[in-house]
Amino acid sequence: MTLAEIKEKLAQISEVWRSDTTSEQGVDLVGLDDCLAELEEMEPETAAEDEAIEELRGRSEILMDEIEIMLGLEPPGIIPPEDYDTET
């Protein structure tokens, strides 16, 4: 997959994921994970290409986080120690 193809896939998923069904959002997650794997394998030849790869990686991770939160897959936030109920 080329950078242009990855960028196009990210744009497509960004536009539609909120209106997708739960199963379609799961497919979107798999597609984004595939994009991340492709980006990890790329060897940038120029500084501009390296910057583009990093930007796409960041956008993919943010989009994955948003979808995971919507699907309830994101773990809950950390509870500060002072909020623990230690009385039993």
N, C-alpha and C. Protein backbone atom coordinates (compact mmCIF):
# COMPACT_ATOMS: atom_id res chain seq x y z
N MET A 1 0.85 -1.16 0.00
CA MET A 1 0.00 0.00 0.00
C MET A 1 0.91 1.24 0.00
N THR A 2 0.55 2.22 -0.79
CA THR A 2 1.34 3.45 -0.87
C THR A 2 0.84 4.47 0.14
N LEU A 3 1.63 5.52 0.34
CA LEU A 3 1.20 6.60 1.24
C LEU A 3 -0.11 7.21 0.76
N ALA A 4 -0.24 7.39 -0.53
CA ALA A 4 -1.46 7.98 -1.09
C ALA A 4 -2.67 7.09 -0.81
N GLU A 5 -2.50 5.77 -0.94
CA GLU A 5 -3.60 4.85 -0.67
C GLU A 5 -3.98 4.87 0.81
N ILE A 6 -2.98 4.93 1.67
CA ILE A 6 -3.25 4.98 3.11
C ILE A 6 -3.97 6.27 3.45
N LYS A 7 -3.51 7.38 2.89
CA LYS A 7 -4.15 8.68 3.14
C LYS A 7 -5.60 8.65 2.67
N GLU A 8 -5.85 8.06 1.52
CA GLU A 8 -7.21 7.96 0.98
C GLU A 8 -8.09 7.09 1.89
N LYS A 9 -7.55 5.98 2.35
CA LYS A 9 -8.31 5.08 3.23
C LYS A 9 -8.66 5.78 4.54
N LEU A 10 -7.69 6.53 5.11
CA LEU A 10 -7.95 7.28 6.33
C LEU A 10 -9.04 8.32 6.12
N ALA A 11 -8.98 9.02 5.01
CA ALA A 11 -9.99 10.03 4.71
C ALA A 11 -11.37 9.40 4.59
N GLN A 12 -11.44 8.26 3.92
CA GLN A 12 -12.72 7.58 3.74
C GLN A 12 -13.29 7.14 5.09
N ILE A 13 -12.47 6.50 5.91
CA ILE A 13 -12.94 6.04 7.22
C ILE A 13 -13.34 7.23 8.09
N SER A 14 -12.57 8.30 8.05
CA SER A 14 -12.87 9.50 8.85
C SER A 14 -14.24 10.06 8.52
N GLU A 15 -14.62 9.99 7.26
CA GLU A 15 -15.89 10.56 6.81
C GLU A 15 -17.09 9.72 7.23
N VAL A 16 -16.94 8.41 7.31
CA VAL A 16 -18.12 7.55 7.46
C VAL A 16 -18.23 6.79 8.77
N TRP A 17 -17.18 6.70 9.56
CA TRP A 17 -17.20 5.76 10.69
C TRP A 17 -18.31 6.07 11.70
N ARG A 18 -18.63 7.32 11.91
CA ARG A 18 -19.66 7.66 12.90
C ARG A 18 -21.04 7.15 12.50
N SER A 19 -21.30 7.06 11.20
CA SER A 19 -22.60 6.58 10.74
C SER A 19 -22.59 5.08 10.43
N ASP A 20 -21.44 4.44 10.58
CA ASP A 20 -21.34 3.00 10.35
C ASP A 20 -22.03 2.22 11.46
N THR A 21 -22.41 0.99 11.14
CA THR A 21 -22.92 0.08 12.17
C THR A 21 -21.74 -0.36 13.02
N THR A 22 -22.04 -1.02 14.13
CA THR A 22 -20.99 -1.50 15.02
C THR A 22 -20.05 -2.46 14.29
N SER A 23 -20.61 -3.35 13.49
CA SER A 23 -19.75 -4.29 12.77
C SER A 23 -18.91 -3.58 11.72
N GLU A 24 -19.47 -2.57 11.08
CA GLU A 24 -18.69 -1.79 10.10
C GLU A 24 -17.57 -1.03 10.80
N GLN A 25 -17.85 -0.53 11.99
CA GLN A 25 -16.79 0.16 12.74
C GLN A 25 -15.68 -0.81 13.11
N GLY A 26 -16.04 -2.06 13.40
CA GLY A 26 -15.03 -3.08 13.65
C GLY A 26 -14.16 -3.30 12.43
N VAL A 27 -14.78 -3.32 11.25
CA VAL A 27 -14.03 -3.46 9.99
C VAL A 27 -13.13 -2.24 9.80
N ASP A 28 -13.64 -1.07 10.14
CA ASP A 28 -12.83 0.15 10.05
C ASP A 28 -11.58 0.03 10.93
N LEU A 29 -11.75 -0.51 12.14
CA LEU A 29 -10.61 -0.69 13.04
C LEU A 29 -9.56 -1.61 12.44
N VAL A 30 -10.03 -2.70 11.83
CA VAL A 30 -9.09 -3.63 11.19
C VAL A 30 -8.36 -2.93 10.05
N GLY A 31 -9.09 -2.14 9.27
CA GLY A 31 -8.46 -1.40 8.17
C GLY A 31 -7.42 -0.41 8.67
N LEU A 32 -7.74 0.27 9.76
CA LEU A 32 -6.78 1.22 10.33
C LEU A 32 -5.56 0.51 10.89
N ASP A 33 -5.78 -0.65 11.50
CA ASP A 33 -4.67 -1.44 12.02
C ASP A 33 -3.76 -1.88 10.87
N ASP A 34 -4.36 -2.27 9.75
CA ASP A 34 -3.59 -2.64 8.57
C ASP A 34 -2.77 -1.46 8.06
N CYS A 35 -3.39 -0.28 8.06
CA CYS A 35 -2.67 0.94 7.63
C CYS A 35 -1.47 1.20 8.54
N LEU A 36 -1.68 1.07 9.85
CA LEU A 36 -0.58 1.28 10.79
C LEU A 36 0.55 0.29 10.54
N ALA A 37 0.20 -0.96 10.28
CA ALA A 37 1.23 -1.98 9.99
C ALA A 37 2.01 -1.61 8.74
N GLU A 38 1.31 -1.13 7.73
CA GLU A 38 1.98 -0.71 6.49
C GLU A 38 2.91 0.48 6.76
N LEU A 39 2.44 1.43 7.55
CA LEU A 39 3.27 2.61 7.86
C LEU A 39 4.52 2.21 8.63
N GLU A 40 4.40 1.24 9.53
CA GLU A 40 5.55 0.78 10.31
C GLU A 40 6.61 0.14 9.42
N GLU A 41 6.17 -0.48 8.34
CA GLU A 41 7.10 -1.18 7.44
C GLU A 41 7.80 -0.23 6.45
N MET A 42 7.25 0.95 6.27
CA MET A 42 7.79 1.88 5.27
C MET A 42 9.15 2.43 5.68
N GLU A 43 10.00 2.54 4.69
CA GLU A 43 11.32 3.15 4.86
C GLU A 43 11.30 4.50 4.13
N PRO A 44 11.17 5.61 4.86
CA PRO A 44 11.12 6.91 4.19
C PRO A 44 12.44 7.24 3.50
N GLU A 45 12.31 7.81 2.32
CA GLU A 45 13.49 8.18 1.55
C GLU A 45 13.83 9.66 1.69
N THR A 46 12.88 10.45 2.14
CA THR A 46 13.11 11.88 2.31
C THR A 46 12.53 12.32 3.65
N ALA A 47 12.92 13.51 4.07
CA ALA A 47 12.38 14.06 5.31
C ALA A 47 10.88 14.32 5.16
N ALA A 48 10.44 14.74 3.99
CA ALA A 48 9.02 15.00 3.75
C ALA A 48 8.22 13.71 3.84
N GLU A 49 8.76 12.64 3.31
CA GLU A 49 8.08 11.34 3.38
C GLU A 49 8.01 10.85 4.83
N ASP A 50 9.08 11.06 5.57
CA ASP A 50 9.10 10.68 6.98
C ASP A 50 8.04 11.46 7.76
N GLU A 51 7.92 12.74 7.47
CA GLU A 51 6.92 13.58 8.12
C GLU A 51 5.50 13.11 7.77
N ALA A 52 5.29 12.76 6.50
CA ALA A 52 3.98 12.29 6.06
C ALA A 52 3.61 10.97 6.76
N ILE A 53 4.58 10.08 6.90
CA ILE A 53 4.35 8.81 7.57
C ILE A 53 3.97 9.05 9.03
N GLU A 54 4.69 9.92 9.70
CA GLU A 54 4.39 10.22 11.10
C GLU A 54 3.02 10.85 11.26
N GLU A 55 2.66 11.75 10.34
CA GLU A 55 1.35 12.39 10.40
C GLU A 55 0.24 11.36 10.22
N LEU A 56 0.39 10.48 9.24
CA LEU A 56 -0.62 9.45 9.00
C LEU A 56 -0.70 8.46 10.16
N ARG A 57 0.43 8.15 10.75
CA ARG A 57 0.45 7.26 11.91
C ARG A 57 -0.35 7.89 13.06
N GLY A 58 -0.10 9.16 13.32
CA GLY A 58 -0.80 9.87 14.38
C GLY A 58 -2.30 9.95 14.13
N ARG A 59 -2.67 10.27 12.90
CA ARG A 59 -4.09 10.35 12.55
C ARG A 59 -4.77 8.99 12.70
N SER A 60 -4.07 7.93 12.29
CA SER A 60 -4.63 6.58 12.40
C SER A 60 -4.86 6.21 13.85
N GLU A 61 -3.87 6.50 14.70
CA GLU A 61 -4.00 6.15 16.12
C GLU A 61 -5.13 6.91 16.79
N ILE A 62 -5.27 8.18 16.48
CA ILE A 62 -6.35 8.99 17.05
C ILE A 62 -7.71 8.46 16.59
N LEU A 63 -7.82 8.16 15.32
CA LEU A 63 -9.07 7.65 14.78
C LEU A 63 -9.41 6.29 15.40
N MET A 64 -8.41 5.45 15.56
CA MET A 64 -8.64 4.14 16.19
C MET A 64 -9.13 4.33 17.63
N ASP A 65 -8.52 5.26 18.35
CA ASP A 65 -8.94 5.53 19.73
C ASP A 65 -10.40 5.98 19.77
N GLU A 66 -10.78 6.88 18.85
CA GLU A 66 -12.16 7.38 18.82
C GLU A 66 -13.15 6.24 18.56
N ILE A 67 -12.82 5.37 17.62
CA ILE A 67 -13.71 4.26 17.29
C ILE A 67 -13.78 3.29 18.46
N GLU A 68 -12.64 2.99 19.08
CA GLU A 68 -12.62 2.07 20.22
C GLU A 68 -13.46 2.61 21.38
N ILE A 69 -13.38 3.91 21.61
CA ILE A 69 -14.18 4.52 22.67
C ILE A 69 -15.66 4.39 22.34
N MET A 70 -16.03 4.66 21.09
CA MET A 70 -17.42 4.55 20.67
C MET A 70 -17.93 3.12 20.82
N LEU A 71 -17.07 2.14 20.55
CA LEU A 71 -17.45 0.73 20.65
C LEU A 71 -17.36 0.20 22.08
N GLY A 72 -16.84 1.02 22.99
CA GLY A 72 -16.70 0.58 24.37
C GLY A 72 -15.50 -0.32 24.58
N LEU A 73 -14.54 -0.28 23.67
CA LEU A 73 -13.36 -1.13 23.78
C LEU A 73 -12.22 -0.45 24.53
N GLU A 74 -12.29 0.84 24.66
CA GLU A 74 -11.24 1.60 25.34
C GLU A 74 -11.36 1.35 26.83
N PRO A 75 -10.25 1.01 27.49
CA PRO A 75 -10.33 0.78 28.95
C PRO A 75 -10.71 2.06 29.68
N PRO A 76 -11.37 1.93 30.83
CA PRO A 76 -11.75 3.13 31.58
C PRO A 76 -10.50 3.86 32.07
N GLY A 77 -10.67 5.13 32.37
CA GLY A 77 -9.56 5.93 32.86
C GLY A 77 -9.05 5.43 34.20
N ILE A 78 -7.88 5.84 34.54
CA ILE A 78 -7.26 5.45 35.80
C ILE A 78 -7.90 6.22 36.94
N ILE A 79 -8.25 5.50 37.99
CA ILE A 79 -8.86 6.12 39.17
C ILE A 79 -7.74 6.56 40.11
N PRO A 80 -7.71 7.84 40.47
CA PRO A 80 -6.66 8.29 41.39
C PRO A 80 -6.75 7.56 42.72
N PRO A 81 -5.62 7.28 43.38
CA PRO A 81 -5.61 6.54 44.64
C PRO A 81 -6.52 7.14 45.70
N GLU A 82 -6.66 8.45 45.75
CA GLU A 82 -7.50 9.08 46.78
C GLU A 82 -8.99 8.78 46.56
N ASP A 83 -9.35 8.31 45.38
CA ASP A 83 -10.75 7.97 45.10
C ASP A 83 -11.09 6.51 45.37
N TYR A 84 -10.10 5.70 45.72
CA TYR A 84 -10.37 4.29 46.03
C TYR A 84 -11.21 4.18 47.28
N ASP A 85 -12.15 3.26 47.26
CA ASP A 85 -12.97 3.00 48.45
C ASP A 85 -12.28 1.88 49.23
N THR A 86 -11.53 2.24 50.24
CA THR A 86 -10.76 1.27 51.02
C THR A 86 -11.49 0.80 52.25
N GLU A 87 -12.63 1.39 52.54
CA GLU A 87 -13.41 0.97 53.70
C GLU A 87 -14.30 -0.19 53.33
N THR A 88 -14.18 -1.30 54.05
CA THR A 88 -15.05 -2.46 53.80
C THR A 88 -15.60 -2.99 55.08
